[in-house]
C-alpha cells in the first residue's frame, strides 16, 4: 500500500470515529446566512439518506418540499415519524437527534436557528399603526407568534400593491419565483427584485411599499425576530 493511500484511509477512519458536531453534515446541511441574531441552514436530504447525531438550536423550520422522515431524539431515544407538506412553518425547540428521509422525495427545509434568548417581558409596546398585519390584511397573514419571533405568510396576486407598512428586523424566505418593486421610506428609494424560490434575505427594520410587477403571485414567509 502506498504511503498516500495509507494516509487517506487513516484520515477517513479518524473522521468516522469522531462524534457528530452541530452543523457537521456538509452533504445535507449548509449554512447560507449567519449574523448576530440567526443562523440559517439549508437542509437537503435525498430519499433514504441517514443523518447521524447532530444538534439544532431553537427556531423555525420552513418546508420547501413535501417529504417523509423519521427522527430519533437523543438521549431519550424517542422516535418521531411524519409527513410534511410544502409551505409548512413550524416552531421547534432545541434538539439533538438522528434523522432519516424515509420517503421518495428530497427533504428540503430552511431552518432558522436563533442565537439570542427571548427579550425580557415588560409593558406592551404601543401598537404600530403601520404594522404589516394591520395595513396588509389582504396579503399578509399571521401564522404564529411567541416570545422569540413572529411568522407571517405573504401572498400577493400579480399586479397588486401594498400601502406603506412596517416590518421588524428578520428574514424573508421566498417560496416562489416573483418580481417586485419596493419603495422604502423615508428616503423614497425604489428597487426592483426578482425573487427565486429558496432565496433567503435578512433585513433590518423597514418601512416600505411593495408592488408585484410580475405575472405570478408572490409567496414568501417572513420571520420577524424580537
Protein backbone atom coordinates (compact mmCIF):
# COMPACT_ATOMS: atom_id res chain seq x y z
CA UNK A 1 0.00 0.00 0.00
CA UNK A 2 1.37 3.42 -0.91
CA UNK A 3 2.03 5.97 1.82
CA UNK A 4 -0.52 8.43 0.39
CA UNK A 5 -3.22 5.75 0.20
CA UNK A 6 -2.47 4.72 3.77
CA UNK A 7 -2.79 8.33 4.97
CA UNK A 8 -6.10 8.71 3.15
CA UNK A 9 -7.56 5.58 4.76
CA UNK A 10 -6.32 6.67 8.18
CA UNK A 11 -7.93 10.07 7.74
CA UNK A 12 -11.26 8.54 6.75
CA UNK A 13 -11.22 6.19 9.75
CA UNK A 14 -10.43 9.08 12.07
CA UNK A 15 -13.28 11.15 10.65
CA UNK A 16 -15.70 8.27 11.07
CA UNK A 17 -14.72 7.86 14.72
CA UNK A 18 -15.32 11.49 15.68
CA UNK A 19 -18.64 12.39 17.40
CA UNK A 20 -21.14 14.36 15.36
CA UNK A 21 -20.99 18.09 15.96
CA UNK A 22 -23.54 20.81 15.35
CA UNK A 23 -23.68 21.60 11.66
CA UNK A 24 -21.38 18.70 10.72
CA UNK A 25 -23.38 17.45 7.74
CA UNK A 26 -21.77 19.20 4.76
CA UNK A 27 -23.52 16.87 2.32
CA UNK A 28 -27.02 17.68 3.57
CA UNK A 29 -26.83 20.88 5.65
CA UNK A 30 -25.28 24.15 4.53
CA UNK A 31 -25.22 27.45 6.45
CA UNK A 32 -26.45 30.04 3.94
CA UNK A 33 -26.75 33.10 6.21
CA UNK A 34 -25.47 33.99 9.65
CA UNK A 35 -25.37 37.11 11.79
CA UNK A 36 -25.61 38.01 15.49
CA UNK A 37 -29.29 37.03 15.62
CA UNK A 38 -29.68 33.89 13.49
CA UNK A 39 -28.02 31.05 11.69
CA UNK A 40 -29.91 29.84 8.62
CA UNK A 41 -29.34 26.27 7.44
CA UNK A 42 -30.42 24.96 4.03
CA UNK A 43 -31.19 21.25 4.57
CA UNK A 44 -31.48 18.92 1.57
CA UNK A 45 -31.73 15.21 2.35
CA UNK A 46 -32.18 12.79 -0.58
CA UNK A 47 -34.58 9.83 -0.22
CA UNK A 48 -33.19 7.11 2.05
CA UNK A 49 -30.29 9.17 3.39
CA UNK A 50 -29.49 8.96 7.12
CA UNK A 51 -28.07 11.87 9.14
CA UNK A 52 -26.06 10.84 12.25
CA UNK A 53 -26.42 12.56 15.62
CA UNK A 54 -26.41 16.35 15.41
CA UNK A 55 -27.92 19.35 17.21
CA UNK A 56 -30.05 22.37 16.34
CA UNK A 57 -30.83 25.49 18.34
CA UNK A 58 -34.44 26.62 18.82
CA UNK A 59 -36.05 28.37 15.93
CA UNK A 60 -38.28 27.94 12.89
CA UNK A 61 -38.45 25.39 10.07
CA UNK A 62 -39.95 26.14 6.66
CA UNK A 63 -40.68 23.18 4.38
CA UNK A 64 -39.58 23.78 0.80
CA UNK A 65 -40.87 20.38 -0.38
CA UNK A 66 -43.25 17.58 0.55
CA UNK A 67 -41.35 14.82 2.39
CA UNK A 68 -41.50 11.94 4.88
CA UNK A 69 -38.91 11.49 7.60
CA UNK A 70 -38.10 9.71 10.82
CA UNK A 71 -36.18 11.18 13.75
CA UNK A 72 -34.70 9.71 16.92
CA UNK A 73 -34.18 12.24 19.70
CA UNK A 74 -31.14 11.91 21.96
CA UNK A 75 -30.71 10.95 24.79
CA UNK A 76 -34.31 9.71 25.32
CA UNK A 77 -34.45 7.67 22.10
CA UNK A 78 -37.95 8.89 21.24
CA UNK A 79 -38.91 8.10 17.64
CA UNK A 80 -40.89 10.55 15.55
CA UNK A 81 -42.34 9.89 12.10
CA UNK A 82 -44.26 12.28 9.94
CA UNK A 83 -45.27 13.68 6.58
CA UNK A 84 -44.55 17.35 5.98
CA UNK A 85 -46.13 19.44 3.24
CA UNK A 86 -44.51 22.19 1.18
CA UNK A 87 -45.00 25.56 2.88
CA UNK A 88 -45.44 24.26 6.44
CA UNK A 89 -43.91 26.61 9.02
CA UNK A 90 -43.15 25.22 12.48
CA UNK A 91 -41.65 26.45 15.75
CA UNK A 92 -39.04 24.00 17.06
CA UNK A 93 -37.25 23.78 20.40
CA UNK A 94 -33.55 22.88 20.74
CA UNK A 95 -32.89 19.27 19.79
CA UNK A 96 -30.21 16.65 19.40
CA UNK A 97 -31.28 13.84 17.11
CA UNK A 98 -30.64 11.43 14.27
CA UNK A 99 -32.77 11.70 11.15
CA UNK A 100 -33.61 9.77 8.00
CA UNK A 101 -35.54 10.65 4.87
CA UNK A 102 -37.99 7.74 4.67
CA UNK A 103 -39.88 8.94 1.60
CA UNK A 104 -39.36 9.12 -2.14
CA UNK A 105 -38.80 12.88 -2.42
CA UNK A 106 -35.99 15.19 -1.32
CA UNK A 107 -36.44 16.65 2.14
CA UNK A 108 -35.78 20.35 1.60
CA UNK A 109 -36.04 22.60 4.65
CA UNK A 110 -34.91 26.10 5.55
CA UNK A 111 -34.09 26.02 9.28
CA UNK A 112 -33.71 29.34 11.09
CA UNK A 113 -31.81 28.89 14.36
CA UNK A 114 -31.98 31.73 16.89
CA UNK A 115 -28.88 32.82 18.75
CA UNK A 116 -30.43 35.02 21.45
CA UNK A 117 -32.79 34.43 24.34
CA UNK A 118 -36.27 35.92 24.30
CA UNK A 119 -36.38 39.60 25.29
CA UNK A 120 -37.50 40.29 28.87
CA UNK A 121 -41.24 40.59 29.41
CA UNK A 122 -42.26 44.18 30.01
CA UNK A 123 -45.14 46.50 29.39
CA UNK A 124 -46.77 46.12 26.00
CA UNK A 125 -45.35 48.46 23.38
CA UNK A 126 -47.64 50.97 21.73
CA UNK A 127 -49.18 49.28 18.67
CA UNK A 128 -47.66 50.40 15.38
CA UNK A 129 -50.48 51.73 13.15
CA UNK A 130 -48.34 50.91 10.08
CA UNK A 131 -47.68 47.31 11.13
CA UNK A 132 -47.86 44.95 8.15
CA UNK A 133 -50.62 42.85 9.74
CA UNK A 134 -52.74 46.00 10.16
CA UNK A 135 -52.13 47.57 6.75
CA UNK A 136 -51.80 44.44 4.58
CA UNK A 137 -54.67 42.28 5.85
CA UNK A 138 -55.45 41.01 2.36
CA UNK A 139 -51.96 39.73 1.59
CA UNK A 140 -50.16 39.07 4.90
CA UNK A 141 -51.37 36.57 7.50
CA UNK A 142 -50.00 35.78 10.96
CA UNK A 143 -49.06 32.08 11.17
CA UNK A 144 -47.87 32.13 14.78
CA UNK A 145 -46.20 34.36 17.35
CA UNK A 146 -44.27 33.67 20.54
CA UNK A 147 -41.70 35.35 22.76
CA UNK A 148 -38.98 34.99 20.11
CA UNK A 149 -40.49 35.52 16.66
CA UNK A 150 -43.49 36.44 14.57
CA UNK A 151 -44.10 34.27 11.48
CA UNK A 152 -46.04 35.89 8.62
CA UNK A 153 -47.22 34.39 5.33
CA UNK A 154 -47.08 36.84 2.40
CA UNK A 155 -49.15 36.07 -0.71
CA UNK A 156 -49.86 38.87 -3.17
CA UNK A 157 -51.55 38.41 -6.57
CA UNK A 158 -49.87 39.59 -9.76
CA UNK A 159 -50.37 43.31 -10.22
CA UNK A 160 -51.25 44.01 -6.58
CA UNK A 161 -49.68 46.72 -4.43
CA UNK A 162 -49.46 47.31 -0.69
CA UNK A 163 -49.73 50.62 1.10
CA UNK A 164 -46.86 51.90 3.24
CA UNK A 165 -46.23 49.46 6.11
CA UNK A 166 -43.52 48.33 8.53
CA UNK A 167 -41.70 45.15 9.47
CA UNK A 168 -39.34 44.43 12.35
CA UNK A 169 -35.89 43.01 11.63
CA UNK A 170 -35.83 39.48 10.33
CA UNK A 171 -35.79 37.14 7.37
CA UNK A 172 -37.77 36.81 4.16
CA UNK A 173 -37.83 33.28 2.73
CA UNK A 174 -39.13 33.01 -0.84
CA UNK A 175 -41.29 30.01 -1.70
CA UNK A 176 -41.96 31.04 -5.31
CA UNK A 177 -40.37 32.99 -8.14
CA UNK A 178 -41.77 36.51 -8.48
CA UNK A 179 -40.89 40.10 -9.43
CA UNK A 180 -41.46 43.07 -7.16
CA UNK A 181 -40.84 46.79 -6.93
CA UNK A 182 -40.18 48.25 -3.49
CA UNK A 183 -40.21 51.86 -2.32
CA UNK A 184 -38.52 52.35 1.06
CA UNK A 185 -39.22 55.22 3.41
CA UNK A 186 -38.25 57.85 4.43
CA UNK A 187 -35.70 58.01 1.59
CA UNK A 188 -38.13 57.12 -1.22
CA UNK A 189 -35.61 54.74 -2.79
CA UNK A 190 -37.08 52.44 -5.44
CA UNK A 191 -35.64 49.00 -6.17
CA UNK A 192 -36.74 46.08 -8.35
CA UNK A 193 -36.09 42.48 -7.39
CA UNK A 194 -36.52 39.08 -9.00
CA UNK A 195 -37.10 36.58 -6.19
CA UNK A 196 -36.24 32.91 -6.63
CA UNK A 197 -37.83 30.08 -4.68
CA UNK A 198 -35.46 29.10 -1.87
CA UNK A 199 -33.94 32.55 -1.56
CA UNK A 200 -33.36 33.91 1.95
CA UNK A 201 -32.76 37.59 2.76
CA UNK A 202 -32.09 39.39 6.04
CA UNK A 203 -33.43 42.90 6.56
CA UNK A 204 -33.27 45.44 9.35
CA UNK A 205 -36.50 47.17 10.48
CA UNK A 206 -38.10 48.67 7.39
CA UNK A 207 -40.95 50.89 6.21
CA UNK A 208 -41.89 50.30 2.59
CA UNK A 209 -44.47 49.89 -0.15
CA UNK A 210 -44.33 46.81 -2.39
CA UNK A 211 -45.80 46.14 -5.84
CA UNK A 212 -46.00 42.77 -7.52
CA UNK A 213 -44.88 43.71 -11.02
CA UNK A 214 -44.63 40.18 -12.40
CA UNK A 215 -47.05 37.70 -13.89
CA UNK A 216 -47.11 35.35 -10.88
CA UNK A 217 -48.30 35.68 -7.28
CA UNK A 218 -45.74 36.25 -4.56
CA UNK A 219 -45.36 33.54 -1.94
CA UNK A 220 -42.97 34.17 0.94
CA UNK A 221 -42.59 33.64 4.68
CA UNK A 222 -41.32 36.48 6.82
CA UNK A 223 -39.81 35.65 10.22
CA UNK A 224 -39.55 38.75 12.38
CA UNK A 225 -37.06 38.38 15.23
CA UNK A 226 -37.91 40.01 18.55
